[in-house]
Every structure is written in structure tokens, then in C-alpha cells.
Protein backbone atom coordinates (compact mmCIF):
# COMPACT_ATOMS: atom_id res chain seq x y z
CA MET A 1 123.62 185.88 66.49
CA SER A 2 126.70 187.27 68.57
CA THR A 3 125.86 190.61 69.03
CA ALA A 4 122.12 189.87 70.65
CA LEU A 5 124.11 187.62 72.93
CA ASP A 6 126.22 190.35 74.09
CA LYS A 7 122.84 192.50 74.43
CA TYR A 8 121.14 189.91 76.72
CA GLN A 9 123.72 187.92 79.00
CA ARG A 10 123.26 190.21 82.02
CA LEU A 11 119.40 189.42 81.76
CA GLU A 12 118.03 186.86 84.16
CA ALA A 13 114.51 185.99 85.30
CA THR A 14 112.26 184.26 87.23
CA ALA A 15 110.47 180.82 85.93
CA LEU A 16 108.93 177.77 86.75
CA TRP A 17 110.60 174.59 85.55
CA ARG A 18 109.83 170.81 85.44
CA ALA A 19 112.55 168.07 84.44
CA THR A 20 109.24 165.99 83.15
CA PRO A 21 105.78 165.68 82.95
CA GLU A 22 105.48 163.43 86.79
CA ASP A 23 107.98 166.58 88.59
CA GLN A 24 106.18 169.34 90.14
CA ARG A 25 107.53 172.78 88.95
CA ARG A 26 109.89 174.58 90.90
CA ASP A 27 110.79 178.39 91.19
CA THR A 28 114.53 178.97 89.11
CA ILE A 29 116.02 181.86 87.46
CA VAL A 30 117.05 181.58 83.98
CA SER A 31 119.59 183.70 82.06
CA ILE A 32 121.25 184.00 78.84
CA GLY A 33 124.86 181.90 78.34
CA ASP A 34 127.16 181.76 75.66
CA ALA A 35 124.51 180.36 72.99
CA THR A 36 122.39 178.82 75.82
CA LEU A 37 119.90 179.31 78.25
CA VAL A 38 120.64 178.33 81.93
CA ILE A 39 118.13 177.32 84.20
CA SER A 40 119.25 177.57 87.85
CA ASP A 41 118.23 176.69 91.34
CA MET A 42 116.99 179.95 93.50
CA ARG A 43 120.79 179.11 95.19
CA ASP A 44 122.31 180.30 92.00
CA GLN A 45 123.05 176.41 91.54
CA ALA A 46 122.83 175.38 87.41
CA LEU A 47 119.72 172.95 86.88
CA THR A 48 120.59 172.34 83.42
CA HIS A 49 121.59 174.45 79.95
CA TRP A 50 119.56 174.30 76.70
CA SER A 51 121.07 175.79 73.45
CA ILE A 52 119.56 178.18 71.83
CA PRO A 53 119.16 177.10 68.23
CA ALA A 54 116.99 174.13 70.47
CA VAL A 55 114.44 176.32 72.43
CA ARG A 56 111.07 175.99 71.14
CA ARG A 57 107.92 177.72 72.06
CA LEU A 58 104.87 175.65 72.91
CA ASN A 59 102.00 178.90 72.74
CA PRO A 60 103.46 181.56 70.68
CA GLY A 61 101.66 185.12 71.71
CA THR A 62 99.99 183.73 75.16
CA PHE A 63 100.86 183.45 78.31
CA PRO A 64 102.44 182.58 80.54
CA ALA A 65 105.14 181.70 77.52
CA ILE A 66 106.14 177.88 77.81
CA TYR A 67 109.52 176.92 76.24
CA TYR A 68 110.77 173.32 75.80
CA PRO A 69 113.74 171.76 74.67
CA ASP A 70 113.80 170.52 70.67
CA GLY A 71 112.87 166.72 71.51
CA ASP A 72 112.37 166.74 75.00
CA PRO A 73 108.53 168.27 75.25
CA GLY A 74 107.86 167.07 78.51
CA GLU A 75 110.64 169.28 80.24
CA THR A 76 109.40 172.65 80.39
CA LEU A 77 110.34 176.39 81.41
CA GLU A 78 107.32 179.10 81.83
CA ILE A 79 108.19 182.61 82.19
CA GLY A 80 105.30 184.73 83.09
CA LYS A 81 103.85 188.43 81.88
CA ASP A 82 105.70 190.34 84.30
CA GLU A 83 108.87 188.57 83.00
CA THR A 84 108.04 190.22 79.17
CA GLN A 85 111.91 191.59 78.56
CA MET A 86 113.01 187.65 78.85
CA VAL A 87 110.84 186.30 76.61
CA GLU A 88 111.46 189.23 74.17
CA ALA A 89 115.11 188.38 74.52
CA ILE A 90 114.58 184.47 73.76
CA GLU A 91 112.09 185.60 70.86
CA LYS A 92 114.65 187.66 69.21
CA LEU A 93 117.91 185.27 69.32
CA ARG A 94 115.20 182.46 68.32
CA ALA A 95 114.53 184.53 65.36
CA ALA A 96 118.34 185.40 64.25
CA VAL A 97 118.96 181.51 64.80
CA THR A 98 116.43 181.44 61.87
CA ARG A 99 117.56 184.20 59.88
CA LYS A 100 121.11 181.96 59.36
CA GLN A 101 119.90 178.97 58.60
CA PRO A 102 120.40 178.15 54.75
CA ARG A 103 117.12 178.65 53.02
CA PRO A 104 116.26 175.42 50.56
CA GLY A 105 117.58 175.06 47.26
CA ARG A 106 120.04 173.41 44.99
CA LEU A 107 122.85 174.51 47.25
CA ARG A 108 121.22 172.67 50.13
CA PHE A 109 120.97 169.18 48.38
CA VAL A 110 124.13 168.93 47.15
CA ALA A 111 125.10 169.75 50.82
CA LEU A 112 122.72 166.89 51.78
CA LEU A 113 123.70 164.57 49.03
CA ALA A 114 127.30 165.25 49.96
CA SER A 115 126.11 164.21 53.55
CA LEU A 116 124.77 160.94 52.62
CA THR A 117 128.11 160.57 50.98
CA THR A 118 129.90 160.83 53.70
CA VAL A 119 127.65 158.74 55.90
CA ALA A 120 128.03 156.05 53.51
CA LEU A 121 131.64 156.57 53.37
CA LEU A 122 132.19 156.01 57.24
CA ALA A 123 129.90 152.91 57.61
CA VAL A 124 131.55 151.39 54.98
CA PHE A 125 135.27 152.37 55.68
CA TRP A 126 135.26 153.47 58.84
CA LEU A 127 136.39 151.26 62.07
CA PRO A 128 134.42 152.19 64.96
CA GLY A 129 137.53 152.14 66.86
CA VAL A 130 138.99 154.53 63.59
CA MET A 131 136.30 157.23 64.21
CA MET A 132 136.33 156.95 68.10
CA ALA A 133 140.08 158.20 68.14
CA HIS A 134 138.86 160.68 65.69
CA THR A 135 135.80 162.06 67.42
CA LEU A 136 138.23 162.03 70.66
CA LYS A 137 141.05 164.02 68.99
CA VAL A 138 138.94 166.71 67.33
CA VAL A 139 136.31 167.33 69.99
CA PRO A 140 137.22 170.67 71.31
CA ASP A 141 137.82 171.34 75.04
CA ALA A 142 134.84 173.47 75.41
CA THR A 143 132.45 171.27 74.08
CA ARG A 144 133.94 168.29 76.27
CA ASP A 145 133.26 170.92 79.00
CA ASP A 146 129.54 171.94 78.26
CA ILE A 147 129.29 167.78 78.09
CA GLY A 148 130.85 167.47 81.72
CA THR A 149 128.53 170.24 82.92
CA ALA A 150 125.66 168.89 81.52
CA LEU A 151 126.51 165.00 83.08
CA GLN A 152 127.19 167.42 86.51
CA THR A 153 123.98 168.59 86.21
CA HIS A 154 121.94 165.20 85.14
CA ALA A 155 123.89 163.84 87.75
CA VAL A 156 122.07 165.61 90.56
CA ARG A 157 119.23 163.42 91.27
CA VAL A 158 121.68 160.71 92.90
CA THR A 159 124.35 162.84 93.99
CA GLY A 160 122.03 165.52 95.57
CA HIS A 161 123.38 169.17 95.05
CA PRO A 162 127.36 170.21 95.51
CA CYS A 163 128.36 171.26 98.99
CA GLY A 164 129.29 174.94 98.98
CA GLY A 165 130.62 177.04 101.61
CA LEU A 166 133.36 180.38 100.84
CA LEU A 167 136.26 178.75 102.89
CA GLY A 168 135.69 175.62 101.70
CA SER A 169 135.24 176.62 98.26
CA THR A 170 138.53 178.15 98.20
CA ALA A 171 140.35 175.59 99.50
CA LEU A 172 138.75 173.44 96.80
CA ARG A 173 140.48 175.60 94.00
CA LYS A 174 143.97 175.42 96.21
CA LEU A 175 143.48 171.55 95.65
CA GLU A 176 142.77 172.01 92.20
CA THR A 177 145.72 173.55 91.40
CA ARG A 178 147.75 171.13 92.88
CA LEU A 179 146.57 168.06 91.00
CA GLY A 180 145.73 170.20 87.67
CA ILE A 181 142.31 169.82 87.64
CA ASP A 182 139.73 172.57 86.24
CA ARG A 183 136.85 171.66 88.44
CA LEU A 184 136.73 169.73 91.76
CA VAL A 185 132.97 169.38 93.05
CA VAL A 186 132.01 167.53 96.40
CA VAL A 187 129.02 166.06 96.47
CA PRO A 188 126.85 164.19 99.27
CA SER A 189 125.78 161.18 98.01
CA GLY A 190 125.91 158.53 94.90
CA VAL A 191 129.56 158.72 94.44
CA ARG A 192 131.39 156.16 96.20
CA HIS A 193 135.14 158.11 96.42
CA ALA A 194 135.63 159.62 93.05
CA VAL A 195 134.28 160.23 89.44
CA VAL A 196 135.69 161.27 86.54
CA LEU A 197 133.98 163.67 83.73
CA PRO A 198 134.59 165.01 80.51
CA GLY A 199 135.95 168.94 80.74
CA LYS A 200 138.39 167.64 83.67
CA ILE A 201 135.77 167.57 86.45
CA VAL A 202 135.85 165.17 89.62
CA LEU A 203 133.28 164.38 91.53
CA VAL A 204 134.21 163.17 95.01
CA SER A 205 132.30 161.88 97.92
CA ARG A 206 131.82 163.49 101.02
CA ASN A 207 132.95 160.48 102.78
CA ILE A 208 136.51 161.13 101.90
CA VAL A 209 136.77 164.34 103.09
CA GLU A 210 135.26 164.17 106.20
CA ASP A 211 136.59 160.81 107.32
CA PHE A 212 140.03 161.11 106.83
CA GLU A 213 142.55 163.13 108.82
CA GLU A 214 144.83 164.22 105.71
CA PRO A 215 144.32 165.75 102.49
CA ASP A 216 146.77 163.37 101.09
CA VAL A 217 143.48 160.84 101.15
CA LEU A 218 141.33 162.82 99.10
CA ALA A 219 144.26 163.39 97.01
CA GLY A 220 144.81 160.05 96.47
CA PHE A 221 141.53 159.08 95.43
CA VAL A 222 141.52 162.16 92.79
CA VAL A 223 144.63 160.97 91.02
CA ALA A 224 143.78 157.29 90.79
CA ALA A 225 140.61 158.30 89.55
CA LEU A 226 141.90 160.35 86.51
CA LEU A 227 144.42 157.58 86.08
CA GLN A 228 141.41 154.51 85.69
CA THR A 229 139.15 156.55 83.54
CA GLY A 230 141.25 157.68 81.26
CA ASP A 231 139.58 160.08 78.96
CA PRO A 232 135.92 160.51 80.58
CA LEU A 233 134.75 161.33 76.87
CA GLU A 234 135.73 157.85 75.76
CA ARG A 235 133.66 156.05 78.12
CA VAL A 236 130.94 158.06 77.25
CA LEU A 237 130.64 157.38 73.34
CA GLU A 238 131.67 153.89 74.35
CA SER A 239 128.44 153.82 75.98
CA LEU A 240 125.84 155.35 73.92
CA GLY A 241 127.42 153.91 71.11
CA MET A 242 128.32 154.65 67.54
CA ALA A 243 125.19 157.24 66.57
CA ALA A 244 126.08 159.30 69.65
CA ASN A 245 129.59 159.52 68.29
CA PHE A 246 128.54 159.97 64.72
CA ARG A 247 126.57 163.24 66.01
CA LEU A 248 129.24 164.62 68.01
CA LEU A 249 131.84 164.26 65.16
CA THR A 250 129.36 166.10 62.93
CA THR A 251 127.50 168.51 64.85
CA GLY A 252 129.54 169.34 68.15
CA ILE A 253 126.49 167.96 70.47
CA ILE A 254 125.02 165.09 72.43
CA PRO A 255 121.23 165.03 72.83
CA GLU A 256 120.46 166.40 76.19
CA ASP A 257 118.08 163.63 76.96
CA GLN A 258 120.94 160.82 75.73
CA LEU A 259 123.50 162.52 78.45
CA ARG A 260 120.62 162.50 80.76
CA HIS A 261 120.11 159.10 80.69
CA HIS A 262 123.88 158.02 80.83
CA ALA A 263 124.56 160.14 83.81
CA GLU A 264 123.42 157.91 86.94
CA ASP A 265 125.20 155.01 85.58
CA MET A 266 128.34 156.89 85.13
CA VAL A 267 128.11 158.37 88.73
CA LEU A 268 127.62 154.77 89.98
CA ALA A 269 129.81 152.43 88.22
CA GLN A 270 132.39 150.87 89.93
CA ILE A 271 135.63 151.56 88.78
CA PRO A 272 138.53 149.07 89.65
CA ARG A 273 141.49 150.41 91.07
CA PRO A 274 144.28 150.86 88.66
CA GLU A 275 147.67 148.38 88.51
CA ASP A 276 150.31 148.93 90.82
CA ASP A 277 152.62 150.25 88.88
CA ALA A 278 150.85 152.77 87.25
CA LEU A 279 149.48 154.20 89.92
CA ILE A 280 152.57 154.06 91.91
CA ALA A 281 153.97 156.23 88.95
CA ALA A 282 150.95 158.77 89.17
CA PHE A 283 151.85 159.02 92.42
CA GLU A 284 155.85 160.26 92.02
CA GLU A 285 154.49 162.44 89.04
CA ASN A 286 152.01 164.31 91.40
CA ARG A 287 154.58 164.63 94.38
CA LEU A 288 151.84 162.44 96.17
CA ARG A 289 152.56 159.96 99.39
CA ILE A 290 150.73 156.60 98.58
CA SER A 291 150.73 155.00 101.82
CA PRO A 292 147.55 157.16 102.96
CA TYR A 293 145.67 156.25 99.69
CA ALA A 294 146.61 152.53 100.52
CA TYR A 295 145.40 152.39 104.16
CA ALA A 296 142.20 154.16 103.28
CA ILE A 297 141.02 151.37 100.87
CA ASP A 298 142.65 148.52 103.59
CA PRO A 299 142.89 150.01 106.85
CA THR A 300 145.06 146.47 107.74
CA GLY A 301 147.44 146.91 105.23
CA GLU A 302 147.75 143.69 103.70
CA GLU A 303 145.56 143.66 100.61
CA THR A 304 147.98 146.95 99.79
CA LEU A 305 151.23 146.27 100.90
CA SER A 306 152.58 146.17 97.64
CA LEU A 307 151.66 149.95 97.28
CA ILE A 308 153.00 150.88 100.97
CA GLU A 309 156.22 149.22 100.40
CA ALA A 310 156.91 151.17 97.36
CA ASP A 311 155.73 154.61 98.08
CA PRO A 312 158.14 156.77 96.42
CA PHE A 313 158.14 159.31 99.73
CA THR A 314 158.52 159.00 102.84
CA THR A 315 156.79 162.34 103.83
CA THR A 316 154.95 164.31 101.26
CA PRO A 317 157.61 166.72 99.40
CA GLU A 318 154.97 169.35 98.65
CA PRO A 319 151.46 169.65 100.77
CA VAL A 320 148.84 168.89 99.18
CA LEU A 321 146.46 171.32 101.91
CA GLY A 322 147.44 173.57 104.95
CA ASP A 323 145.95 172.61 108.17
CA GLY A 324 143.57 175.89 107.93
CA ASP A 325 142.46 174.89 104.26
CA TRP A 326 141.72 171.56 105.26
CA VAL A 327 139.30 171.84 108.46
CA ALA A 328 137.66 174.56 105.82
CA LEU A 329 136.83 171.96 103.57
CA GLN A 330 136.57 169.00 105.92
CA GLY A 331 133.48 171.46 106.64
CA ILE A 332 132.14 172.29 103.11
CA CYS A 333 129.35 170.28 103.31
CA GLY A 334 128.01 171.36 106.72
CA GLY A 335 129.32 168.56 108.76
């Protein structure tokens, strides 16, 4: 399977994609990623990822080839006859997956029986909290990244497509390094201040980028969101319930339809401000002034006086961004 993936990872093709039967088909680019089909818009923004083992074909042997993700036949991808190389690649990868699947037999029966026994033991002896803690401990970073990316993709209908631009994106990368996060994304709508997704992905509103004179405010909202959210994967599992928790623990995936339904709620949720003592300690650890953030919450300073008076720094000991980078970042959404 890995050899086949390596052979086709540079292959791209045009295709028609729709998320639901009610949506219009739209022009997209489909490419082969790390065990996934990546479907992107014509600006190279990822719209969704399909796991290759879960790809199904609706009309074998005929064109245009119509594919859908297992369990969601309403979402389709149509690849025309002029893109036969991509169709052949997908079919070969699907065949490779099929060959690796275990054959029915006694070993399969024993494995199934062991799985059922494990499920019964989990249901009887593991409390939900214990199961949650174990899942959060063993889920690898790559899986967290996949879940966060999928949530971000599904949230586009609420947030709009991420803002971009060479100079602004360069400034974002510098801010990511300054704050120790993997991906910082500016979105035009939907997010009130900042939202943390699994995989250290933070969505921030264009308003906190454009409406304030210094980058300390943006950094402050990111630090506050990281502190209050804790482990964002825990929020996902709490919302989706025990079944999703168990499936992630045993298979390493959460179904796309569940993530799609959860994405909007996660982005729009209003998270309360963290406790003052914890917030002050987080700002001190990140070497940030807390006063700009406090005045952004309440311009009068009355509701956030305790934060202002406890500011660990009179001046920022380590600048958040240089003036040129901040100006570039403020224009990332096109003004």
C-alpha cells in the first residue's frame, strides 16, 4: 500500500464535488495524500479529506466515475473520462486495500470474539471518565491533526474560507512560533475571538486582527483560548459521546458525518474567560502583557481591573510581532 501511495502522491485531477445532494456540484482538484484523497477548491484550499480505505465507487466500469465516502453516499466526487489516470490510481489503491483485508476464517472468528469480549469488559468495568482519559493519552498527534483539519474543513460553511496572502501568512508563521502553536488561521466570520481545535490549530476572528493597534491583543486572545479549552479533543469526545470515544480508541477514526455535525457547534460555542489567577500565570509564562487583552474585553477597564493591576509586565519583554509583520497581518483578509 505504501509503495502504491508513493507512486501516485504527485498525481492531481479535476473533478466535480458536492457535500450533500442539495448542494450544487463544484469544480475541484483531487489529489492523493497520505492514505487519503484530498479534495481542494480551485484556490488550492482543502475542502475535505477522504480515507482511501473508505472510498466507494457508485458506478463501476462507467464514466464519469462517481465516488463517495463509506457511510455517506450523499457526498459525491465525479471524475471524467479525460482523467483516467486518476481513476486508475484510485482503483489500484482500493484494490491494494482490499488485498490487505483479512480473509474470513477461524482466526477472524477468534478476533471477533476477542473484540466482543473486550467490549463487554469495557462496558462493565471502565467508567466513562477512565475511558476518556485513556483515549486522550494514547491518541497520536497525527490523529489529532487529522481530526482538527477535518473540523476546520467542515467549519468553512460558518467561518468562510481562511484569509491568505504571502506577507500576512509569513507574519502568521512568526506568531505561531512566538506562541508555540502549530497552525494559526484567520477566518472572516463565525468565530467571536479564538477557537482551539485538536492538533494545536487555532482559528481567530479577523476582527481581533483588524480592530486593534497592537498584536498583543491577538496574542492575548489566543493564550486565553488555549488555557480555557484545555485539550480540545476532550471537548470533541464529550460532545460526540461514548460511541465516538470507543471508535476512536479502537479504530483511530471519528466518522466524517459526526465531525461535520460537531464542527459548527464547536466554532460557535461561547467559552467563558478563564479564572484570573490562571490567566495571569499563562500570560507571564508566555511573556506577554495582559493589559491590552484586558482593555480589549472592556475598554473602560472596570470589569477587568484585577487583570490590569496584576499585569506581570509594564512593557512586553519579547515583542509579539514587528511593526511590518503586524501591518501585513492586519491586511491578510484584504482590508
